């Protein structure tokens, strides 16, 4: 087991990464300060891992709430199911919520914890690669709105993150690729050495090589932990973690939440960001080719939906959280491993990028 630390003063917490961690009572119980525990999971994950999680919590008062599975359910209506369970079971402000699932479960559980009785403890147990390397770390919580992704939420740090790599054995291939998109992101935005490693080891990751996956998770979590420790509330450097997300969130919202996985949309979004960076004269054609090649090798889409023209993208990107004073901000590349946040781009070049990466047919 590897243990990393997210250094945030009194809100600091560990990230545990390794195999056979789910049933480890000694790992999870020290982070639970009360007696009441509400485990939030979904219809896919609960049959696989709920019983083992409950075994580690023996002696505590545990209740569960099982949500429907899918990004399309990451909304206020589904969030209400968590509040209903907490209130019906009379959970007090000393309770702990446990998110057992992927990014959707983690984001909603975290937001419920942030807002229930003005804030209670929660623990992240991510069961997808995307959640293990990204959404479970950093304290971003929230739900989607039909007009924009993650527009309703709060910063609320977990007590700990327990990433059991054995849960990836049951992960669908498409979900694995979606998680690898976020892994690639760390190499592109600030870790050129890691990007080189990914180029050399992508085939191993796609083949689910245990050692390669464990290293990728550890390196990604360390990169994110360093950024979060430097900028918890995204006032500066943390915005770099949104590489590919301005385009990606627009794709998700326009297509209907759930049709594209988050990582799939981010993969295409990173390629579009690299393309715009090249058109701006900031990176060369070889860097763009390397970006496209690694996204393609991860079995991620490299074209946006056919229905999304320039106007569609602008409509959705204009309500993105990264808009400042009416200006759309992108994370663009100065080089592989060197990203910046900027609103200083040529709109004509943005139009060219969007049209160049638009699929010819829907589907």
Protein backbone atom coordinates (compact mmCIF):
# COMPACT_ATOMS: atom_id res chain seq x y z
CA UNK A 1 0.00 0.00 0.00
CA UNK A 2 1.13 3.53 -0.84
CA UNK A 3 0.09 6.48 1.29
CA UNK A 4 0.09 10.03 -0.06
CA UNK A 5 -0.86 13.17 1.84
CA UNK A 6 -2.94 16.12 0.71
CA UNK A 7 -1.46 18.96 2.76
CA UNK A 8 -4.20 21.44 3.67
CA UNK A 9 -3.44 22.31 7.27
CA UNK A 10 -6.22 21.12 9.58
CA UNK A 11 -8.08 19.73 6.52
CA UNK A 12 -5.16 17.51 5.47
CA UNK A 13 -5.93 13.87 4.71
CA UNK A 14 -4.30 10.69 3.42
CA UNK A 15 -4.82 8.86 0.14
CA UNK A 16 -4.36 5.11 0.48
CA UNK A 17 -3.59 3.25 -2.76
CA UNK A 18 -3.26 -0.52 -3.03
CA UNK A 19 -4.93 -3.92 -3.34
CA UNK A 20 -7.26 -5.56 -0.80
CA UNK A 21 -8.01 -2.33 1.07
CA UNK A 22 -11.83 -2.43 1.09
CA UNK A 23 -12.33 -4.72 4.07
CA UNK A 24 -9.57 -3.16 6.18
CA UNK A 25 -11.20 -1.88 9.38
CA UNK A 26 -7.90 -0.53 10.73
CA UNK A 27 -7.63 1.68 7.66
CA UNK A 28 -11.07 3.26 7.67
CA UNK A 29 -12.27 3.33 11.30
CA UNK A 30 -9.70 5.89 12.59
CA UNK A 31 -11.23 8.43 10.16
CA UNK A 32 -14.76 8.05 11.52
CA UNK A 33 -15.39 10.36 14.47
CA UNK A 34 -18.98 9.39 15.35
CA UNK A 35 -21.10 6.25 15.41
CA UNK A 36 -23.47 6.91 12.52
CA UNK A 37 -22.31 5.97 9.01
CA UNK A 38 -24.30 6.36 5.78
CA UNK A 39 -22.83 4.49 2.81
CA UNK A 40 -23.88 5.92 -0.54
CA UNK A 41 -23.39 3.65 -3.54
CA UNK A 42 -25.16 2.81 -6.80
CA UNK A 43 -26.98 -0.14 -8.36
CA UNK A 44 -23.84 -1.34 -10.17
CA UNK A 45 -21.24 -1.05 -7.41
CA UNK A 46 -23.28 -2.02 -4.33
CA UNK A 47 -23.74 -5.70 -5.30
CA UNK A 48 -19.97 -5.98 -5.79
CA UNK A 49 -18.47 -4.12 -2.84
CA UNK A 50 -21.08 -3.01 -0.29
CA UNK A 51 -20.89 -6.16 1.86
CA UNK A 52 -17.11 -5.98 2.15
CA UNK A 53 -17.32 -2.31 3.10
CA UNK A 54 -19.90 -3.05 5.78
CA UNK A 55 -17.66 -5.75 7.27
CA UNK A 56 -14.95 -3.14 7.86
CA UNK A 57 -17.47 -0.99 9.78
CA UNK A 58 -18.61 -3.65 12.23
CA UNK A 59 -19.72 -2.11 15.51
CA UNK A 60 -20.91 1.16 13.97
CA UNK A 61 -24.48 2.15 13.15
CA UNK A 62 -24.49 1.78 9.35
CA UNK A 63 -27.23 2.62 6.87
CA UNK A 64 -27.12 2.62 3.08
CA UNK A 65 -28.67 4.51 0.18
CA UNK A 66 -28.40 3.05 -3.32
CA UNK A 67 -28.61 5.48 -6.24
CA UNK A 68 -29.30 4.78 -9.91
CA UNK A 69 -26.09 4.50 -11.96
CA UNK A 70 -25.11 7.09 -14.54
CA UNK A 71 -24.10 10.71 -15.14
CA UNK A 72 -27.69 11.48 -16.14
CA UNK A 73 -28.67 10.98 -12.48
CA UNK A 74 -26.13 13.44 -11.11
CA UNK A 75 -28.77 16.04 -10.32
CA UNK A 76 -30.74 17.63 -7.51
CA UNK A 77 -33.55 15.07 -7.73
CA UNK A 78 -31.16 12.18 -7.05
CA UNK A 79 -29.29 14.18 -4.41
CA UNK A 80 -32.57 14.44 -2.51
CA UNK A 81 -32.50 10.65 -2.01
CA UNK A 82 -29.39 11.05 0.16
CA UNK A 83 -30.94 13.83 2.24
CA UNK A 84 -34.14 11.78 2.63
CA UNK A 85 -32.19 8.80 3.97
CA UNK A 86 -30.19 10.94 6.40
CA UNK A 87 -33.28 12.62 7.78
CA UNK A 88 -35.43 9.50 7.93
CA UNK A 89 -32.70 7.69 9.89
CA UNK A 90 -32.19 10.77 12.10
CA UNK A 91 -28.49 11.19 11.38
CA UNK A 92 -26.89 13.96 13.42
CA UNK A 93 -24.05 16.35 12.64
CA UNK A 94 -21.45 13.88 13.94
CA UNK A 95 -22.25 11.33 11.24
CA UNK A 96 -19.96 10.24 8.40
CA UNK A 97 -20.99 9.67 4.80
CA UNK A 98 -19.02 7.16 2.72
CA UNK A 99 -18.98 7.43 -1.07
CA UNK A 100 -18.61 3.93 -2.52
CA UNK A 101 -18.54 4.22 -6.30
CA UNK A 102 -17.28 6.29 -9.19
CA UNK A 103 -17.12 10.02 -9.74
CA UNK A 104 -20.88 10.58 -9.79
CA UNK A 105 -21.37 8.89 -6.41
CA UNK A 106 -18.34 10.69 -4.99
CA UNK A 107 -19.41 14.14 -6.17
CA UNK A 108 -22.98 13.79 -4.94
CA UNK A 109 -22.04 12.23 -1.60
CA UNK A 110 -19.48 14.95 -1.04
CA UNK A 111 -22.01 17.68 -1.77
CA UNK A 112 -24.57 16.04 0.50
CA UNK A 113 -21.92 15.96 3.26
CA UNK A 114 -20.98 19.60 2.61
CA UNK A 115 -24.58 20.77 2.94
CA UNK A 116 -26.23 18.38 5.42
CA UNK A 117 -26.54 20.25 8.73
CA UNK A 118 -24.05 22.72 7.21
CA UNK A 119 -21.30 20.16 6.87
CA UNK A 120 -20.51 16.63 8.08
CA UNK A 121 -17.59 14.25 7.51
CA UNK A 122 -17.26 12.03 4.47
CA UNK A 123 -14.87 9.42 3.12
CA UNK A 124 -14.14 8.62 -0.52
CA UNK A 125 -13.85 4.98 -1.63
CA UNK A 126 -13.52 5.37 -5.42
CA UNK A 127 -14.15 2.25 -7.51
CA UNK A 128 -13.35 3.57 -11.02
CA UNK A 129 -10.01 4.64 -12.40
CA UNK A 130 -11.29 8.15 -13.13
CA UNK A 131 -12.48 8.57 -9.56
CA UNK A 132 -9.26 7.13 -8.12
CA UNK A 133 -6.96 9.47 -10.07
CA UNK A 134 -9.09 12.61 -10.13
CA UNK A 135 -12.57 13.22 -8.74
CA UNK A 136 -12.05 11.62 -5.30
CA UNK A 137 -9.08 13.90 -4.55
CA UNK A 138 -9.34 17.63 -3.94
CA UNK A 139 -12.73 18.22 -2.37
CA UNK A 140 -14.71 19.33 -5.43
CA UNK A 141 -18.29 18.19 -4.95
CA UNK A 142 -21.53 18.93 -6.74
CA UNK A 143 -24.27 18.08 -9.21
CA UNK A 144 -25.11 18.95 -12.80
CA UNK A 145 -27.75 21.32 -14.13
CA UNK A 146 -29.27 20.95 -17.61
CA UNK A 147 -27.54 24.19 -18.61
CA UNK A 148 -24.10 23.36 -17.21
CA UNK A 149 -22.01 20.60 -15.65
CA UNK A 150 -21.05 20.87 -11.96
CA UNK A 151 -22.54 24.36 -11.70
CA UNK A 152 -24.03 23.58 -8.26
CA UNK A 153 -21.53 22.44 -5.65
CA UNK A 154 -19.06 23.19 -2.88
CA UNK A 155 -15.46 22.59 -1.83
CA UNK A 156 -15.55 19.99 0.93
CA UNK A 157 -12.51 17.83 1.67
CA UNK A 158 -12.88 14.15 2.61
CA UNK A 159 -11.43 12.65 5.78
CA UNK A 160 -9.49 10.16 3.64
CA UNK A 161 -9.46 8.49 0.22
CA UNK A 162 -9.19 4.69 -0.04
CA UNK A 163 -8.34 3.60 -3.59
CA UNK A 164 -8.51 -0.20 -3.75
CA UNK A 165 -6.97 -1.14 -7.09
CA UNK A 166 -8.76 -4.53 -7.04
CA UNK A 167 -12.01 -2.73 -7.87
CA UNK A 168 -10.62 -2.02 -11.34
CA UNK A 169 -10.89 -5.74 -12.15
CA UNK A 170 -14.66 -5.31 -12.62
CA UNK A 171 -14.38 -2.06 -14.58
CA UNK A 172 -15.72 -2.01 -18.15
CA UNK A 173 -13.17 -1.27 -20.88
CA UNK A 174 -14.92 1.99 -21.76
CA UNK A 175 -14.72 3.16 -18.13
CA UNK A 176 -11.03 2.23 -18.01
CA UNK A 177 -10.34 4.42 -21.05
CA UNK A 178 -12.31 7.27 -19.50
CA UNK A 179 -10.07 7.10 -16.43
CA UNK A 180 -6.91 7.01 -18.53
CA UNK A 181 -8.01 10.33 -20.07
CA UNK A 182 -7.56 12.02 -16.69
CA UNK A 183 -4.21 10.25 -16.25
CA UNK A 184 -3.03 11.66 -19.60
CA UNK A 185 -4.17 15.10 -18.44
CA UNK A 186 -1.57 15.21 -15.66
CA UNK A 187 1.25 14.52 -18.10
CA UNK A 188 0.07 17.17 -20.55
CA UNK A 189 -0.53 19.98 -18.08
CA UNK A 190 2.59 19.78 -15.93
CA UNK A 191 4.49 16.49 -15.90
CA UNK A 192 6.34 15.90 -19.19
CA UNK A 193 8.31 13.02 -17.69
CA UNK A 194 5.05 11.25 -16.82
CA UNK A 195 3.77 11.87 -20.35
CA UNK A 196 6.89 10.14 -21.70
CA UNK A 197 6.20 7.21 -19.35
CA UNK A 198 2.60 7.02 -20.56
CA UNK A 199 3.74 6.86 -24.18
CA UNK A 200 6.01 3.95 -23.28
CA UNK A 201 3.44 2.13 -21.12
CA UNK A 202 0.02 2.82 -22.64
CA UNK A 203 -0.28 -0.74 -23.96
CA UNK A 204 0.30 -2.07 -20.42
CA UNK A 205 -2.36 0.25 -18.99
CA UNK A 206 -4.88 -0.84 -21.60
CA UNK A 207 -4.04 -4.47 -20.82
CA UNK A 208 -4.69 -3.74 -17.10
CA UNK A 209 -1.15 -4.51 -16.00
CA UNK A 210 -1.36 -4.24 -12.19
CA UNK A 211 2.02 -2.58 -11.68
CA UNK A 212 1.48 -0.05 -14.47
CA UNK A 213 -1.97 0.89 -13.18
CA UNK A 214 -0.72 1.24 -9.61
CA UNK A 215 2.09 3.54 -10.73
CA UNK A 216 -0.24 5.64 -12.90
CA UNK A 217 -2.69 6.05 -10.01
CA UNK A 218 0.04 6.99 -7.54
CA UNK A 219 1.70 9.48 -9.91
CA UNK A 220 -1.63 11.07 -10.86
CA UNK A 221 -2.74 11.41 -7.24
CA UNK A 222 0.61 12.92 -6.26
CA UNK A 223 0.40 15.45 -9.10
CA UNK A 224 -3.13 16.42 -8.12
CA UNK A 225 -2.36 16.52 -4.39
CA UNK A 226 0.51 18.94 -5.05
CA UNK A 227 -1.76 21.24 -7.07
CA UNK A 228 -4.60 21.13 -4.53
CA UNK A 229 -2.22 21.83 -1.63
CA UNK A 230 -0.99 24.93 -3.48
CA UNK A 231 -4.46 26.18 -4.50
CA UNK A 232 -7.39 24.51 -2.72
CA UNK A 233 -10.20 26.80 -3.96
CA UNK A 234 -9.01 27.19 -7.58
CA UNK A 235 -7.94 30.82 -7.42
CA UNK A 236 -4.90 30.17 -9.59
CA UNK A 237 -2.83 27.06 -10.35
CA UNK A 238 -5.64 24.54 -9.72
CA UNK A 239 -7.48 25.82 -12.79
CA UNK A 240 -4.84 24.00 -14.87
CA UNK A 241 -6.57 20.74 -13.87
CA UNK A 242 -9.40 21.80 -16.19
CA UNK A 243 -7.33 21.00 -19.29
CA UNK A 244 -9.80 19.68 -21.88
CA UNK A 245 -12.77 20.34 -19.61
CA UNK A 246 -14.10 23.52 -21.23
CA UNK A 247 -14.61 21.68 -24.51
CA UNK A 248 -15.46 18.44 -22.69
CA UNK A 249 -18.18 19.84 -20.44
CA UNK A 250 -19.81 21.45 -23.50
CA UNK A 251 -19.85 18.05 -25.24
CA UNK A 252 -21.43 16.38 -22.21
CA UNK A 253 -24.11 19.02 -21.73
CA UNK A 254 -25.00 19.31 -25.41
CA UNK A 255 -25.13 15.54 -25.98
CA UNK A 256 -27.18 14.84 -22.86
CA UNK A 257 -25.47 13.71 -19.67
CA UNK A 258 -24.55 10.05 -19.80
CA UNK A 259 -24.22 9.63 -23.57
CA UNK A 260 -20.53 10.56 -23.40
CA UNK A 261 -18.55 9.48 -20.36
CA UNK A 262 -16.78 12.38 -18.67
CA UNK A 263 -13.35 11.01 -19.53
CA UNK A 264 -14.32 10.50 -23.17
CA UNK A 265 -15.39 14.14 -23.45
CA UNK A 266 -12.20 15.29 -21.68
CA UNK A 267 -10.09 13.19 -24.06
CA UNK A 268 -11.58 14.92 -27.09
CA UNK A 269 -11.41 18.24 -25.25
CA UNK A 270 -7.67 17.85 -24.57
CA UNK A 271 -7.03 17.17 -28.24
CA UNK A 272 -9.04 20.25 -29.22
CA UNK A 273 -7.09 22.32 -26.67
CA UNK A 274 -3.83 21.04 -28.16
CA UNK A 275 -5.07 21.83 -31.66
CA UNK A 276 -5.99 25.40 -30.67
CA UNK A 277 -2.59 25.73 -28.98
CA UNK A 278 -0.88 24.74 -32.24
CA UNK A 279 -2.98 27.14 -34.29
CA UNK A 280 -1.98 29.87 -31.84
CA UNK A 281 1.67 29.00 -32.58
CA UNK A 282 2.41 27.78 -29.06
CA UNK A 283 3.12 24.10 -29.75
CA UNK A 284 4.33 22.40 -32.91
CA UNK A 285 2.70 19.77 -35.11
CA UNK A 286 4.74 16.99 -33.51
CA UNK A 287 3.36 17.81 -30.04
CA UNK A 288 -0.16 17.80 -31.46
CA UNK A 289 0.50 14.44 -33.10
CA UNK A 290 1.84 13.00 -29.84
CA UNK A 291 -1.30 14.21 -28.06
CA UNK A 292 -3.64 12.72 -30.64
CA UNK A 293 -1.70 9.46 -30.75
CA UNK A 294 -1.84 8.83 -27.00
CA UNK A 295 -5.56 9.71 -26.82
CA UNK A 296 -6.24 7.35 -29.71
CA UNK A 297 -4.15 4.56 -28.11
CA UNK A 298 -6.30 4.93 -24.97
CA UNK A 299 -9.37 4.13 -27.13
CA UNK A 300 -10.81 7.59 -26.56
CA UNK A 301 -12.77 9.55 -29.16
CA UNK A 302 -10.85 12.16 -31.14
CA UNK A 303 -13.84 13.93 -32.71
CA UNK A 304 -16.66 15.93 -31.14
CA UNK A 305 -20.33 15.15 -31.94
CA UNK A 306 -21.45 15.96 -35.48
CA UNK A 307 -24.30 18.17 -34.25
CA UNK A 308 -21.92 20.46 -32.36
CA UNK A 309 -20.90 23.37 -34.55
CA UNK A 310 -19.19 26.56 -33.37
CA UNK A 311 -22.43 28.08 -32.06
CA UNK A 312 -23.25 24.97 -30.02
CA UNK A 313 -19.86 25.04 -28.34
CA UNK A 314 -20.04 28.78 -27.58
CA UNK A 315 -23.54 28.42 -26.14
CA UNK A 316 -22.43 25.78 -23.64
CA UNK A 317 -18.95 27.11 -22.93
CA UNK A 318 -20.40 30.52 -22.08
CA UNK A 319 -22.02 29.08 -18.93
CA UNK A 320 -18.91 27.15 -17.86
CA UNK A 321 -17.49 27.83 -14.39
CA UNK A 322 -14.25 29.03 -15.99
CA UNK A 323 -15.91 32.07 -17.60
CA UNK A 324 -14.53 35.31 -16.14
CA UNK A 325 -16.13 38.71 -16.84
CA UNK A 326 -17.95 37.20 -19.79
CA UNK A 327 -14.79 35.75 -21.32
CA UNK A 328 -14.27 32.04 -21.92
CA UNK A 329 -11.05 30.73 -20.38
CA UNK A 330 -9.21 27.76 -21.81
CA UNK A 331 -6.34 25.71 -20.47
CA UNK A 332 -3.93 25.62 -23.42
CA UNK A 333 -0.45 24.22 -23.95
CA UNK A 334 2.82 26.05 -24.32
CA UNK A 335 4.50 22.64 -24.53
CA UNK A 336 3.78 19.09 -23.42
CA UNK A 337 4.04 19.40 -19.66
CA UNK A 338 3.51 23.18 -19.66
CA UNK A 339 -0.06 24.53 -19.60
CA UNK A 340 -1.56 27.99 -19.01
CA UNK A 341 -5.03 29.38 -18.33
CA UNK A 342 -5.92 32.08 -20.82
CA UNK A 343 -8.73 33.99 -22.49
CA UNK A 344 -6.22 35.37 -24.98
CA UNK A 345 -7.02 33.32 -28.06
CA UNK A 346 -8.02 34.10 -31.64
CA UNK A 347 -11.74 33.42 -32.07
CA UNK A 348 -11.25 32.60 -35.75
CA UNK A 349 -8.75 29.92 -34.76
CA UNK A 350 -11.18 28.56 -32.18
CA UNK A 351 -13.77 28.20 -34.95
CA UNK A 352 -11.20 26.34 -37.07
CA UNK A 353 -10.40 23.96 -34.21
CA UNK A 354 -14.07 23.19 -33.60
CA UNK A 355 -14.79 22.48 -37.25
CA UNK A 356 -11.59 20.44 -37.70
CA UNK A 357 -12.58 18.08 -34.88
CA UNK A 358 -16.26 17.73 -35.66
CA UNK A 359 -17.39 14.21 -36.53
CA UNK A 360 -18.86 13.82 -40.01
CA UNK A 361 -21.81 11.78 -38.79
CA UNK A 362 -23.52 11.37 -35.42
CA UNK A 363 -22.78 8.29 -33.34
